C-alpha atoms as a PDB file:
ATOM      1  CA  UNK A   1      96.126  92.308 105.825  1.00  0.00           C
ATOM      2  CA  UNK A   2      98.720  94.805 104.582  1.00  0.00           C
ATOM      3  CA  UNK A   3     100.700  94.327 101.399  1.00  0.00           C
ATOM      4  CA  UNK A   4     103.848  93.686 103.461  1.00  0.00           C
ATOM      5  CA  UNK A   5     102.090  90.993 105.514  1.00  0.00           C
ATOM      6  CA  UNK A   6     100.788  89.440 102.312  1.00  0.00           C
ATOM      7  CA  UNK A   7     104.278  89.370 100.783  1.00  0.00           C
ATOM      8  CA  UNK A   8     105.780  87.888 103.949  1.00  0.00           C
ATOM      9  CA  UNK A   9     103.053  85.226 103.898  1.00  0.00           C
ATOM     10  CA  UNK A  10     103.972  84.405 100.304  1.00  0.00           C
ATOM     11  CA  UNK A  11     107.631  84.141 101.318  1.00  0.00           C
ATOM     12  CA  UNK A  12     106.509  81.523 103.879  1.00  0.00           C
ATOM     13  CA  UNK A  13     104.643  79.815 100.981  1.00  0.00           C
ATOM     14  CA  UNK A  14     101.267  80.358 102.660  1.00  0.00           C
ATOM     15  CA  UNK A  15      98.756  79.313  99.962  1.00  0.00           C
ATOM     16  CA  UNK A  16      96.071  81.684 101.266  1.00  0.00           C
ATOM     17  CA  UNK A  17      98.438  84.642 100.952  1.00  0.00           C
ATOM     18  CA  UNK A  18      99.476  83.500  97.478  1.00  0.00           C
ATOM     19  CA  UNK A  19      95.826  83.339  96.407  1.00  0.00           C
ATOM     20  CA  UNK A  20      95.142  86.818  97.804  1.00  0.00           C
ATOM     21  CA  UNK A  21      98.222  88.226  96.102  1.00  0.00           C
ATOM     22  CA  UNK A  22      97.187  86.635  92.814  1.00  0.00           C
ATOM     23  CA  UNK A  23      93.642  88.006  93.082  1.00  0.00           C
ATOM     24  CA  UNK A  24      94.987  91.456  93.956  1.00  0.00           C
ATOM     25  CA  UNK A  25      97.306  91.765  90.960  1.00  0.00           C
ATOM     26  CA  UNK A  26      96.038  89.342  88.294  1.00  0.00           C
ATOM     27  CA  UNK A  27      93.655  91.809  86.642  1.00  0.00           C
ATOM     28  CA  UNK A  28      96.200  94.612  86.350  1.00  0.00           C
ATOM     29  CA  UNK A  29      98.925  92.266  85.178  1.00  0.00           C
ATOM     30  CA  UNK A  30      96.676  90.628  82.588  1.00  0.00           C
ATOM     31  CA  UNK A  31      96.256  94.075  81.016  1.00  0.00           C
ATOM     32  CA  UNK A  32     100.059  94.390  80.903  1.00  0.00           C
ATOM     33  CA  UNK A  33     100.393  90.940  79.299  1.00  0.00           C
ATOM     34  CA  UNK A  34      97.659  91.681  76.743  1.00  0.00           C
ATOM     35  CA  UNK A  35      99.702  94.603  75.424  1.00  0.00           C
ATOM     36  CA  UNK A  36     102.404  92.157  74.341  1.00  0.00           C
ATOM     37  CA  UNK A  37     100.235  89.377  72.873  1.00  0.00           C
ATOM     38  CA  UNK A  38      97.919  88.669  69.978  1.00  0.00           C
ATOM     39  CA  UNK A  39      95.391  86.668  71.992  1.00  0.00           C
ATOM     40  CA  UNK A  40      93.888  86.547  75.439  1.00  0.00           C
ATOM     41  CA  UNK A  41      94.942  82.891  75.777  1.00  0.00           C
ATOM     42  CA  UNK A  42      98.572  83.793  75.117  1.00  0.00           C
ATOM     43  CA  UNK A  43      98.332  86.634  77.665  1.00  0.00           C
ATOM     44  CA  UNK A  44      96.815  84.295  80.262  1.00  0.00           C
ATOM     45  CA  UNK A  45      99.647  81.803  79.701  1.00  0.00           C
ATOM     46  CA  UNK A  46     102.198  84.580  80.209  1.00  0.00           C
ATOM     47  CA  UNK A  47     100.325  85.738  83.318  1.00  0.00           C
ATOM     48  CA  UNK A  48     100.512  82.237  84.810  1.00  0.00           C
ATOM     49  CA  UNK A  49     104.206  81.939  83.975  1.00  0.00           C
ATOM     50  CA  UNK A  50     104.739  85.380  85.469  1.00  0.00           C
ATOM     51  CA  UNK A  51     103.057  84.514  88.750  1.00  0.00           C
ATOM     52  CA  UNK A  52     105.081  81.313  89.015  1.00  0.00           C
ATOM     53  CA  UNK A  53     108.188  83.498  88.703  1.00  0.00           C
ATOM     54  CA  UNK A  54     106.792  86.010  91.210  1.00  0.00           C
ATOM     55  CA  UNK A  55     106.263  83.275  93.805  1.00  0.00           C
ATOM     56  CA  UNK A  56     109.621  81.633  93.033  1.00  0.00           C
ATOM     57  CA  UNK A  57     111.457  84.946  93.449  1.00  0.00           C
ATOM     58  CA  UNK A  58     109.388  86.782  96.051  1.00  0.00           C
ATOM     59  CA  UNK A  59     112.154  86.224  98.631  1.00  0.00           C
ATOM     60  CA  UNK A  60     114.291  88.581  96.528  1.00  0.00           C
ATOM     61  CA  UNK A  61     111.852  91.500  96.830  1.00  0.00           C
ATOM     62  CA  UNK A  62     113.610  94.080  99.001  1.00  0.00           C
ATOM     63  CA  UNK A  63     110.616  96.183 100.175  1.00  0.00           C
ATOM     64  CA  UNK A  64     112.477  99.306  98.999  1.00  0.00           C
ATOM     65  CA  UNK A  65     110.399  99.983  95.885  1.00  0.00           C
ATOM     66  CA  UNK A  66     106.912  99.396  94.602  1.00  0.00           C
ATOM     67  CA  UNK A  67     105.835  95.777  94.796  1.00  0.00           C
ATOM     68  CA  UNK A  68     103.394  96.307  91.935  1.00  0.00           C
ATOM     69  CA  UNK A  69     106.244  97.696  89.833  1.00  0.00           C
ATOM     70  CA  UNK A  70     108.354  94.651  90.691  1.00  0.00           C
ATOM     71  CA  UNK A  71     105.541  92.280  89.648  1.00  0.00           C
ATOM     72  CA  UNK A  72     104.938  94.326  86.490  1.00  0.00           C
ATOM     73  CA  UNK A  73     108.613  94.021  85.511  1.00  0.00           C
ATOM     74  CA  UNK A  74     108.423  90.234  85.908  1.00  0.00           C
ATOM     75  CA  UNK A  75     105.312  90.118  83.697  1.00  0.00           C
ATOM     76  CA  UNK A  76     106.975  92.238  81.013  1.00  0.00           C
ATOM     77  CA  UNK A  77     110.068  90.029  81.126  1.00  0.00           C
ATOM     78  CA  UNK A  78     107.884  86.925  80.724  1.00  0.00           C
ATOM     79  CA  UNK A  79     106.089  88.519  77.765  1.00  0.00           C
ATOM     80  CA  UNK A  80     109.426  89.413  76.184  1.00  0.00           C
ATOM     81  CA  UNK A  81     110.761  85.900  76.775  1.00  0.00           C
ATOM     82  CA  UNK A  82     107.653  84.535  75.061  1.00  0.00           C
ATOM     83  CA  UNK A  83     108.182  86.950  72.169  1.00  0.00           C
ATOM     84  CA  UNK A  84     111.808  85.917  71.728  1.00  0.00           C
ATOM     85  CA  UNK A  85     110.769  82.244  71.613  1.00  0.00           C
ATOM     86  CA  UNK A  86     108.148  82.918  68.963  1.00  0.00           C
ATOM     87  CA  UNK A  87     108.682  83.407  65.285  1.00  0.00           C
ATOM     88  CA  UNK A  88     107.135  86.892  65.403  1.00  0.00           C
ATOM     89  CA  UNK A  89     110.475  88.575  65.931  1.00  0.00           C
ATOM     90  CA  UNK A  90     111.855  87.262  62.655  1.00  0.00           C
ATOM     91  CA  UNK A  91     109.306  89.218  60.616  1.00  0.00           C
ATOM     92  CA  UNK A  92     110.431  92.617  61.909  1.00  0.00           C
ATOM     93  CA  UNK A  93     113.975  93.566  60.967  1.00  0.00           C
ATOM     94  CA  UNK A  94     114.487  97.041  59.579  1.00  0.00           C
ATOM     95  CA  UNK A  95     116.911  99.786  58.803  1.00  0.00           C
ATOM     96  CA  UNK A  96     116.721 102.985  60.827  1.00  0.00           C
ATOM     97  CA  UNK A  97     114.437 105.590  59.329  1.00  0.00           C
ATOM     98  CA  UNK A  98     114.393 109.082  60.750  1.00  0.00           C
ATOM     99  CA  UNK A  99     111.052 110.810  60.590  1.00  0.00           C
ATOM    100  CA  UNK A 100     110.385 114.364  61.618  1.00  0.00           C
ATOM    101  CA  UNK A 101     106.847 114.114  62.938  1.00  0.00           C
ATOM    102  CA  UNK A 102     105.240 117.434  63.852  1.00  0.00           C
ATOM    103  CA  UNK A 103     103.266 117.755  67.084  1.00  0.00           C
ATOM    104  CA  UNK A 104      99.694 118.887  67.521  1.00  0.00           C
ATOM    105  CA  UNK A 105      96.795 118.288  69.900  1.00  0.00           C
ATOM    106  CA  UNK A 106      93.102 117.601  69.433  1.00  0.00           C
ATOM    107  CA  UNK A 107      93.042 113.814  69.224  1.00  0.00           C
ATOM    108  CA  UNK A 108      92.069 113.066  72.833  1.00  0.00           C
ATOM    109  CA  UNK A 109      88.425 114.039  72.488  1.00  0.00           C
ATOM    110  CA  UNK A 110      87.873 111.607  69.625  1.00  0.00           C
ATOM    111  CA  UNK A 111      89.839 108.560  70.797  1.00  0.00           C
ATOM    112  CA  UNK A 112      89.290 106.325  73.809  1.00  0.00           C
ATOM    113  CA  UNK A 113      92.080 104.436  75.543  1.00  0.00           C
ATOM    114  CA  UNK A 114      90.427 101.161  74.550  1.00  0.00           C
ATOM    115  CA  UNK A 115      90.368 102.175  70.870  1.00  0.00           C
ATOM    116  CA  UNK A 116      94.052 103.084  71.016  1.00  0.00           C
ATOM    117  CA  UNK A 117      94.956  99.779  72.714  1.00  0.00           C
ATOM    118  CA  UNK A 118      93.088  97.853  69.993  1.00  0.00           C
ATOM    119  CA  UNK A 119      95.018  99.778  67.338  1.00  0.00           C
ATOM    120  CA  UNK A 120      98.314  99.070  69.110  1.00  0.00           C
ATOM    121  CA  UNK A 121      97.447  95.384  69.404  1.00  0.00           C
ATOM    122  CA  UNK A 122      96.872  95.210  65.642  1.00  0.00           C
ATOM    123  CA  UNK A 123     100.448  96.321  64.891  1.00  0.00           C
ATOM    124  CA  UNK A 124     102.943  93.714  63.625  1.00  0.00           C
ATOM    125  CA  UNK A 125     104.572  92.010  66.616  1.00  0.00           C
ATOM    126  CA  UNK A 126     107.963  93.714  66.371  1.00  0.00           C
ATOM    127  CA  UNK A 127     106.414  97.157  66.049  1.00  0.00           C
ATOM    128  CA  UNK A 128     104.042  96.470  68.934  1.00  0.00           C
ATOM    129  CA  UNK A 129     106.845  95.281  71.212  1.00  0.00           C
ATOM    130  CA  UNK A 130     109.001  98.321  70.561  1.00  0.00           C
ATOM    131  CA  UNK A 131     106.059 100.750  70.794  1.00  0.00           C
ATOM    132  CA  UNK A 132     104.871  99.289  74.113  1.00  0.00           C
ATOM    133  CA  UNK A 133     108.341  99.237  75.627  1.00  0.00           C
ATOM    134  CA  UNK A 134     109.146 102.785  74.509  1.00  0.00           C
ATOM    135  CA  UNK A 135     105.839 104.660  74.705  1.00  0.00           C
ATOM    136  CA  UNK A 136     104.111 102.823  77.546  1.00  0.00           C
ATOM    137  CA  UNK A 137     106.849 101.315  79.717  1.00  0.00           C
ATOM    138  CA  UNK A 138     109.386 104.124  79.215  1.00  0.00           C
ATOM    139  CA  UNK A 139     112.325 102.031  78.024  1.00  0.00           C
ATOM    140  CA  UNK A 140     115.122 103.763  76.102  1.00  0.00           C
ATOM    141  CA  UNK A 141     116.102 102.551  72.630  1.00  0.00           C
ATOM    142  CA  UNK A 142     119.283 101.096  74.158  1.00  0.00           C
ATOM    143  CA  UNK A 143     117.257  99.136  76.728  1.00  0.00           C
ATOM    144  CA  UNK A 144     114.879  97.922  74.012  1.00  0.00           C
ATOM    145  CA  UNK A 145     117.786  96.867  71.806  1.00  0.00           C
ATOM    146  CA  UNK A 146     119.429  94.968  74.665  1.00  0.00           C
ATOM    147  CA  UNK A 147     116.155  93.348  75.735  1.00  0.00           C
ATOM    148  CA  UNK A 148     115.041  92.245  72.271  1.00  0.00           C
ATOM    149  CA  UNK A 149     118.490  91.482  70.865  1.00  0.00           C
ATOM    150  CA  UNK A 150     118.236  94.083  68.090  1.00  0.00           C
ATOM    151  CA  UNK A 151     120.274  97.200  67.379  1.00  0.00           C
ATOM    152  CA  UNK A 152     119.190 100.681  68.453  1.00  0.00           C
ATOM    153  CA  UNK A 153     118.572 101.732  64.859  1.00  0.00           C
ATOM    154  CA  UNK A 154     116.102  98.893  64.424  1.00  0.00           C
ATOM    155  CA  UNK A 155     114.341  99.962  67.621  1.00  0.00           C
ATOM    156  CA  UNK A 156     114.030 103.536  66.354  1.00  0.00           C
ATOM    157  CA  UNK A 157     112.898 102.353  62.938  1.00  0.00           C
ATOM    158  CA  UNK A 158     110.236 100.048  64.339  1.00  0.00           C
ATOM    159  CA  UNK A 159     108.963 102.763  66.691  1.00  0.00           C
ATOM    160  CA  UNK A 160     108.648 105.222  63.817  1.00  0.00           C
ATOM    161  CA  UNK A 161     106.957 102.638  61.606  1.00  0.00           C
ATOM    162  CA  UNK A 162     104.563 101.784  64.457  1.00  0.00           C
ATOM    163  CA  UNK A 163     103.704 105.463  64.861  1.00  0.00           C
ATOM    164  CA  UNK A 164     103.137 105.841  61.132  1.00  0.00           C
ATOM    165  CA  UNK A 165     100.819 102.818  61.071  1.00  0.00           C
ATOM    166  CA  UNK A 166      98.916 104.103  64.100  1.00  0.00           C
ATOM    167  CA  UNK A 167      98.623 107.536  62.523  1.00  0.00           C
ATOM    168  CA  UNK A 168      97.236 105.980  59.349  1.00  0.00           C
ATOM    169  CA  UNK A 169      94.709 103.988  61.386  1.00  0.00           C
ATOM    170  CA  UNK A 170      93.668 107.164  63.181  1.00  0.00           C
ATOM    171  CA  UNK A 171      93.265 108.866  59.833  1.00  0.00           C
ATOM    172  CA  UNK A 172      91.271 105.982  58.378  1.00  0.00           C
ATOM    173  CA  UNK A 173      89.017 105.343  61.385  1.00  0.00           C
ATOM    174  CA  UNK A 174      88.619 108.792  62.900  1.00  0.00           C
ATOM    175  CA  UNK A 175      88.732 110.884  59.765  1.00  0.00           C
ATOM    176  CA  UNK A 176      91.565 113.152  60.854  1.00  0.00           C
ATOM    177  CA  UNK A 177      92.610 115.451  58.027  1.00  0.00           C
ATOM    178  CA  UNK A 178      96.358 115.284  58.579  1.00  0.00           C
ATOM    179  CA  UNK A 179      97.226 112.159  60.579  1.00  0.00           C
ATOM    180  CA  UNK A 180     100.848 113.024  61.277  1.00  0.00           C
ATOM    181  CA  UNK A 181      99.966 116.442  62.615  1.00  0.00           C
ATOM    182  CA  UNK A 182      96.860 115.540  64.586  1.00  0.00           C
ATOM    183  CA  UNK A 183      97.814 112.109  65.927  1.00  0.00           C
ATOM    184  CA  UNK A 184     101.422 112.525  67.001  1.00  0.00           C
ATOM    185  CA  UNK A 185     100.820 113.776  70.532  1.00  0.00           C
ATOM    186  CA  UNK A 186      98.684 110.810  71.539  1.00  0.00           C
ATOM    187  CA  UNK A 187     101.242 108.416  70.087  1.00  0.00           C
ATOM    188  CA  UNK A 188     104.264 109.955  71.787  1.00  0.00           C
ATOM    189  CA  UNK A 189     102.945 110.246  75.328  1.00  0.00           C
END
């Protein structure tokens, strides 16, 4: 069964197609949800909410773009909605700080993707949200500000503070000599 046939089956509310669609995308989307949560349980709750929204809105999918991208956007929106409902957001309000962080390479050989994701997950919620949206999802500071209900300066500040914390963790755990110089490239890509 092609992806288009699967989607059309879901539009008809065919339970078999819905199950296949869920099984196809649940693993990838759980990884997306985990980037925005503190616990696996919270991520699984967001995943379930996200798939309810996918099935409720699948009629609106236009077949012009990537279906996986469309599902991913729904999952991110559900994670952000969960974040806005939580008290986490209240702990992260800041004034814009401008940092001039030099670039260098050499971190990739010593750091796995899993290690980096664990470090990102340990960031304070506000920092983690902004870092994920900016560095991983490619949002602009304006989009982040609009999405999270903060100003652009706060978005920039939280991104810079997230980078600084990640650089310090890299320094502490990997023994880099100059964290800002050696870690910046991995944190800005």
